[in-house]
Protein backbone atom coordinates (compact mmCIF):
# COMPACT_ATOMS: atom_id res chain seq x y z
CA UNK A 1 -7.74 4.82 -5.63
CA UNK A 2 -8.82 7.05 -2.65
CA UNK A 3 -12.11 8.71 -2.31
CA UNK A 4 -13.90 11.58 -0.52
CA UNK A 5 -15.49 10.15 2.69
CA UNK A 6 -18.32 11.63 4.80
CA UNK A 7 -17.42 12.64 8.13
CA UNK A 8 -19.50 9.47 9.01
CA UNK A 9 -17.73 7.14 7.60
CA UNK A 10 -15.89 4.72 10.25
CA UNK A 11 -12.02 4.53 9.33
CA UNK A 12 -12.00 0.66 9.44
CA UNK A 13 -14.29 0.64 6.46
CA UNK A 14 -12.41 3.27 4.10
CA UNK A 15 -10.32 0.58 2.43
CA UNK A 16 -13.60 -1.46 1.48
CA UNK A 17 -14.92 2.24 0.31
CA UNK A 18 -12.31 2.65 -2.03
CA UNK A 19 -12.85 -0.94 -3.17
CA UNK A 20 -16.36 -0.20 -4.23
CA UNK A 21 -15.24 3.26 -5.81
CA UNK A 22 -13.04 1.62 -7.87
CA UNK A 23 -15.61 -1.46 -8.86
CA UNK A 24 -17.17 -1.72 -12.66
CA UNK A 25 -19.22 -4.50 -12.02
CA UNK A 26 -23.21 -4.69 -11.97
CA UNK A 27 -22.72 -7.55 -9.38
CA UNK A 28 -19.93 -8.74 -6.75
CA UNK A 29 -19.99 -11.68 -4.48
CA UNK A 30 -17.50 -11.58 -1.79
CA UNK A 31 -16.98 -14.25 0.40
CA UNK A 32 -16.12 -13.05 4.66
CA UNK A 33 -12.56 -13.91 4.20
CA UNK A 34 -12.19 -11.53 1.19
CA UNK A 35 -14.01 -8.61 2.93
CA UNK A 36 -11.74 -9.05 5.62
CA UNK A 37 -8.68 -8.91 3.39
CA UNK A 38 -10.01 -5.72 1.69
CA UNK A 39 -10.19 -3.93 5.01
CA UNK A 40 -7.60 -5.48 6.74
CA UNK A 41 -9.28 -6.68 9.82
CA UNK A 42 -12.06 -8.67 10.84
CA UNK A 43 -15.80 -7.92 10.63
CA UNK A 44 -17.49 -7.46 14.01
CA UNK A 45 -19.81 -10.22 15.14
CA UNK A 46 -23.21 -8.55 14.45
CA UNK A 47 -22.11 -9.28 10.37
CA UNK A 48 -21.91 -12.59 11.07
CA UNK A 49 -24.85 -12.91 12.86
CA UNK A 50 -27.23 -10.65 11.81
CA UNK A 51 -28.82 -10.15 8.24
CA UNK A 52 -30.06 -7.07 9.16
CA UNK A 53 -26.53 -5.74 9.53
CA UNK A 54 -25.63 -5.92 6.17
CA UNK A 55 -29.08 -4.45 5.07
CA UNK A 56 -28.99 -1.55 7.10
CA UNK A 57 -29.01 1.83 5.36
CA UNK A 58 -29.65 4.36 8.57
CA UNK A 59 -27.54 5.81 11.65
CA UNK A 60 -25.77 5.39 14.05
CA UNK A 61 -23.91 3.05 12.37
CA UNK A 62 -22.41 3.85 9.32
CA UNK A 63 -20.65 0.87 7.79
CA UNK A 64 -23.17 0.91 4.73
CA UNK A 65 -21.78 4.38 3.40
CA UNK A 66 -18.79 2.14 2.52
CA UNK A 67 -20.65 0.31 -0.49
CA UNK A 68 -23.74 2.65 -0.79
CA UNK A 69 -21.89 5.79 -1.64
CA UNK A 70 -20.68 4.02 -4.76
CA UNK A 71 -23.95 3.07 -5.70
CA UNK A 72 -24.14 -0.49 -4.51
CA UNK A 73 -26.77 -2.16 -1.92
CA UNK A 74 -26.49 -5.29 -0.26
CA UNK A 75 -28.61 -8.11 -2.35
CA UNK A 76 -28.24 -11.32 -0.75
CA UNK A 77 -26.41 -12.37 2.81
CA UNK A 78 -25.13 -16.09 3.38
CA UNK A 79 -23.76 -15.57 7.13
CA UNK A 80 -20.44 -16.37 7.73
CA UNK A 81 -20.27 -17.22 4.08
CA UNK A 82 -20.70 -14.62 1.70
CA UNK A 83 -22.73 -11.43 0.63
CA UNK A 84 -23.78 -10.08 -2.70
CA UNK A 85 -23.70 -6.66 -3.77
CA UNK A 86 -25.51 -5.05 -6.83
CA UNK A 87 -25.05 -1.60 -8.42
CA UNK A 88 -28.55 0.43 -7.91
CA UNK A 89 -29.44 1.31 -11.25
CA UNK A 90 -30.37 5.15 -11.24
CA UNK A 91 -26.23 5.20 -10.23
CA UNK A 92 -25.03 3.37 -13.23
CA UNK A 93 -23.01 5.00 -15.65
CA UNK A 94 -21.70 4.44 -18.80
CA UNK A 95 -18.40 2.83 -18.16
CA UNK A 96 -20.28 0.09 -15.80
CA UNK A 97 -21.82 -2.96 -18.05
CA UNK A 98 -24.37 -5.33 -16.83
CA UNK A 99 -21.58 -8.36 -18.21
CA UNK A 100 -18.08 -9.98 -17.01
CA UNK A 101 -15.91 -7.72 -19.34
CA UNK A 102 -14.72 -5.09 -16.96
CA UNK A 103 -11.81 -6.06 -15.12
CA UNK A 104 -11.88 -7.07 -11.11
CA UNK A 105 -11.24 -3.88 -8.72
CA UNK A 106 -8.52 -4.01 -6.79
CA UNK A 107 -7.20 -1.52 -3.88
CA UNK A 108 -3.84 -1.03 -2.43
CA UNK A 109 -3.15 -0.42 1.17
CA UNK A 110 -0.55 -0.61 4.38
CA UNK A 111 -0.06 -4.02 5.79
CA UNK A 112 -1.85 -4.76 9.01
CA UNK A 113 -1.02 -7.32 11.67
CA UNK A 114 -4.01 -9.09 10.78
CA UNK A 115 -2.59 -9.78 7.25
CA UNK A 116 0.44 -11.75 8.29
CA UNK A 117 -0.33 -14.71 7.57
CA UNK A 118 -2.08 -13.84 4.53
CA UNK A 119 0.63 -11.83 3.50
CA UNK A 120 3.21 -15.11 4.33
CA UNK A 121 0.65 -17.36 2.22
CA UNK A 122 1.23 -14.88 -0.78
CA UNK A 123 4.97 -14.98 -0.56
CA UNK A 124 5.04 -18.69 -0.84
CA UNK A 125 2.54 -19.16 -3.75
CA UNK A 126 5.04 -16.16 -5.70
CA UNK A 127 7.90 -18.41 -4.38
CA UNK A 128 6.33 -21.30 -6.50
CA UNK A 129 5.70 -19.37 -9.68
CA UNK A 130 9.27 -17.32 -10.11
CA UNK A 131 12.98 -17.84 -9.78
CA UNK A 132 13.15 -13.81 -9.38
CA UNK A 133 12.93 -14.08 -5.63
CA UNK A 134 16.11 -13.87 -4.04
CA UNK A 135 15.54 -16.26 -1.18
CA UNK A 136 14.92 -19.76 -2.03
CA UNK A 137 11.64 -21.62 -1.18
CA UNK A 138 12.96 -23.58 1.64
CA UNK A 139 14.84 -20.15 3.19
CA UNK A 140 11.32 -18.57 4.02
CA UNK A 141 11.57 -18.98 7.52
CA UNK A 142 9.27 -15.90 8.42
CA UNK A 143 6.69 -16.90 10.89
CA UNK A 144 3.42 -14.87 11.55
CA UNK A 145 4.24 -14.07 14.69
CA UNK A 146 7.81 -12.61 13.64
CA UNK A 147 5.75 -11.05 10.91
CA UNK A 148 3.56 -9.02 13.50
CA UNK A 149 6.68 -8.41 15.81
CA UNK A 150 8.17 -6.25 12.95
CA UNK A 151 5.49 -4.21 11.60
CA UNK A 152 5.21 -2.95 15.27
CA UNK A 153 8.86 -1.93 14.94
CA UNK A 154 8.33 -0.72 11.31
CA UNK A 155 5.62 1.51 12.52
CA UNK A 156 8.00 3.13 15.55
CA UNK A 157 10.55 3.65 12.65
CA UNK A 158 8.13 5.17 10.47
CA UNK A 159 9.93 4.53 7.04
CA UNK A 160 9.30 0.67 6.36
CA UNK A 161 6.07 -0.80 5.51
CA UNK A 162 4.56 -3.06 2.90
CA UNK A 163 2.08 -2.08 0.44
CA UNK A 164 -0.44 -5.06 -0.64
CA UNK A 165 -2.55 -5.23 -3.68
CA UNK A 166 -5.74 -7.04 -3.13
CA UNK A 167 -7.86 -7.81 -5.99
CA UNK A 168 -11.42 -9.02 -5.15
CA UNK A 169 -10.71 -9.73 -1.72
CA UNK A 170 -7.26 -11.66 -2.84
CA UNK A 171 -3.75 -10.76 -2.09
CA UNK A 172 -2.44 -10.66 -5.27
CA UNK A 173 0.74 -8.75 -4.99
CA UNK A 174 3.11 -6.07 -2.70
CA UNK A 175 5.92 -4.03 -2.35
CA UNK A 176 8.28 -3.98 0.38
CA UNK A 177 9.65 -0.21 1.14
CA UNK A 178 12.68 -0.70 3.43
CA UNK A 179 13.89 3.03 4.71
CA UNK A 180 17.57 3.01 6.04
CA UNK A 181 17.81 3.80 9.84
CA UNK A 182 21.07 6.14 9.85
CA UNK A 183 20.57 9.40 9.89
CA UNK A 184 22.12 10.71 7.05
CA UNK A 185 20.31 7.91 4.40
CA UNK A 186 17.04 8.19 6.24
CA UNK A 187 15.77 9.92 2.83
CA UNK A 188 16.78 6.23 0.97
CA UNK A 189 14.66 3.14 0.94
CA UNK A 190 14.69 0.48 -1.24
CA UNK A 191 11.88 -1.51 -2.90
CA UNK A 192 10.93 -5.19 -3.44
CA UNK A 193 8.00 -5.89 -5.42
CA UNK A 194 6.38 -9.04 -6.56
CA UNK A 195 3.18 -10.06 -8.30
CA UNK A 196 1.24 -13.12 -8.33
CA UNK A 197 1.68 -14.99 -11.96
CA UNK A 198 -2.13 -14.90 -12.82
CA UNK A 199 -2.28 -11.14 -11.91
CA UNK A 200 0.87 -9.81 -13.84
CA UNK A 201 0.47 -7.59 -17.13
CA UNK A 202 -2.71 -5.80 -15.49
CA UNK A 203 -0.96 -2.82 -14.25
CA UNK A 204 -0.74 -4.08 -10.69
CA UNK A 205 3.12 -3.57 -10.57
CA UNK A 206 2.71 0.00 -11.96
CA UNK A 207 0.03 0.71 -9.29
CA UNK A 208 2.03 -1.18 -6.44
CA UNK A 209 5.38 1.77 -7.40
CA UNK A 210 2.56 4.71 -7.88
CA UNK A 211 1.60 4.15 -4.25
CA UNK A 212 5.15 3.65 -2.96
CA UNK A 213 6.09 6.65 -4.37
CA UNK A 214 2.98 8.72 -2.98
CA UNK A 215 4.04 6.53 0.71
CA UNK A 216 7.71 7.45 0.38
CA UNK A 217 7.06 11.36 -0.23
CA UNK A 218 4.93 11.83 2.67
CA UNK A 219 7.77 10.19 4.87
CA UNK A 220 10.46 12.12 3.44
CA UNK A 221 11.93 9.58 1.66
CA UNK A 222 13.26 11.20 -2.02
CA UNK A 223 15.36 8.01 -3.20
CA UNK A 224 14.07 4.81 -3.92
CA UNK A 225 16.54 1.80 -5.07
CA UNK A 226 15.84 -1.35 -6.75
CA UNK A 227 17.91 -4.38 -7.75
CA UNK A 228 16.64 -6.60 -10.36
CA UNK A 229 18.46 -9.77 -12.25
CA UNK A 230 19.76 -9.38 -15.56
CA UNK A 231 17.37 -11.85 -17.22
CA UNK A 232 14.45 -10.34 -15.41
CA UNK A 233 13.08 -8.40 -18.65
CA UNK A 234 9.75 -7.77 -17.49
CA UNK A 235 10.71 -6.02 -13.98
CA UNK A 236 13.68 -4.13 -15.85
CA UNK A 237 11.20 -2.96 -18.53
CA UNK A 238 8.66 -1.69 -15.87
CA UNK A 239 11.13 0.27 -13.79
CA UNK A 240 12.58 1.62 -16.40
CA UNK A 241 8.96 3.17 -17.81
CA UNK A 242 8.50 4.39 -14.30
CA UNK A 243 11.54 6.40 -14.86
CA UNK A 244 14.40 4.49 -12.63
CA UNK A 245 17.75 4.93 -13.77
CA UNK A 246 20.14 2.04 -14.08
CA UNK A 247 23.41 2.66 -12.06
CA UNK A 248 25.62 -0.40 -11.95
CA UNK A 249 25.73 -3.99 -12.59
CA UNK A 250 26.93 -6.50 -10.01
CA UNK A 251 28.81 -8.93 -11.55
CA UNK A 252 28.01 -12.68 -10.77
CA UNK A 253 25.90 -11.34 -7.80
CA UNK A 254 23.31 -14.19 -7.97
CA UNK A 255 23.85 -18.06 -8.07
CA UNK A 256 20.70 -19.22 -9.87
CA UNK A 257 20.71 -23.36 -10.82
CA UNK A 258 24.62 -23.41 -10.50
CA UNK A 259 24.87 -20.67 -13.17
CA UNK A 260 26.33 -16.98 -11.94
CA UNK A 261 23.99 -14.09 -12.84
CA UNK A 262 24.48 -10.16 -13.03
CA UNK A 263 22.40 -8.15 -10.98
CA UNK A 264 21.10 -4.33 -11.80
CA UNK A 265 20.91 -1.70 -9.42
CA UNK A 266 18.81 1.13 -10.54
CA UNK A 267 17.24 4.11 -8.49
CA UNK A 268 14.87 7.13 -8.85
CA UNK A 269 15.06 10.21 -7.03
CA UNK A 270 11.51 11.47 -6.25
């Protein structure tokens, strides 16, 4: 998912560069909010005020490398609204077509404080789509302020985060990694995975879990744990395909619509 950046690449534009690197469409139009979702932070004022900021292709600023390195150029700018990018013909390869048959591009990155509102909205959307979430929709009391406070604390611990999957600038799914605080269990983390219904069966769940493993290994986390309701066949199949082993069953662990449901405990050693 990542690519090699030139030394001139500004760090905040690397997620945008990663997005264009995996994009296959000949032409892409992204709203300003979608661009900021991909980046995880706001665009500078110049991007909202000057078309020349987008048309720029020379130093000293190097934000344009995030799309030109992947063979795209800016074709049209509607200030404050959207930007249309087109792939240069000389960069076109055999796996890039001029139609819309190619799947949308997505990136996976760690959550930023500026993502708090979008993440909460994503959770609310998923709550309306499935019964597999462990809280009820009316029990979701997380606020933007509280989430931002939690993220600051998690950065101090260094073993907790949320990895977000963003498809064409839209939040599509996430994986919460919750490492334990006690010294004897700092090598262990529990994982909670969720993907919006319309983005399921597109490989996003697998990609998120692969990103979870990479992130965990970098932080000396060697055991991942997940809990899955017994009737969640899609999640069970996914985790088993990814090498998770079932360790036990918690009888009647969940009460859903006045019915008791068992919960499976699975783990993977990295």
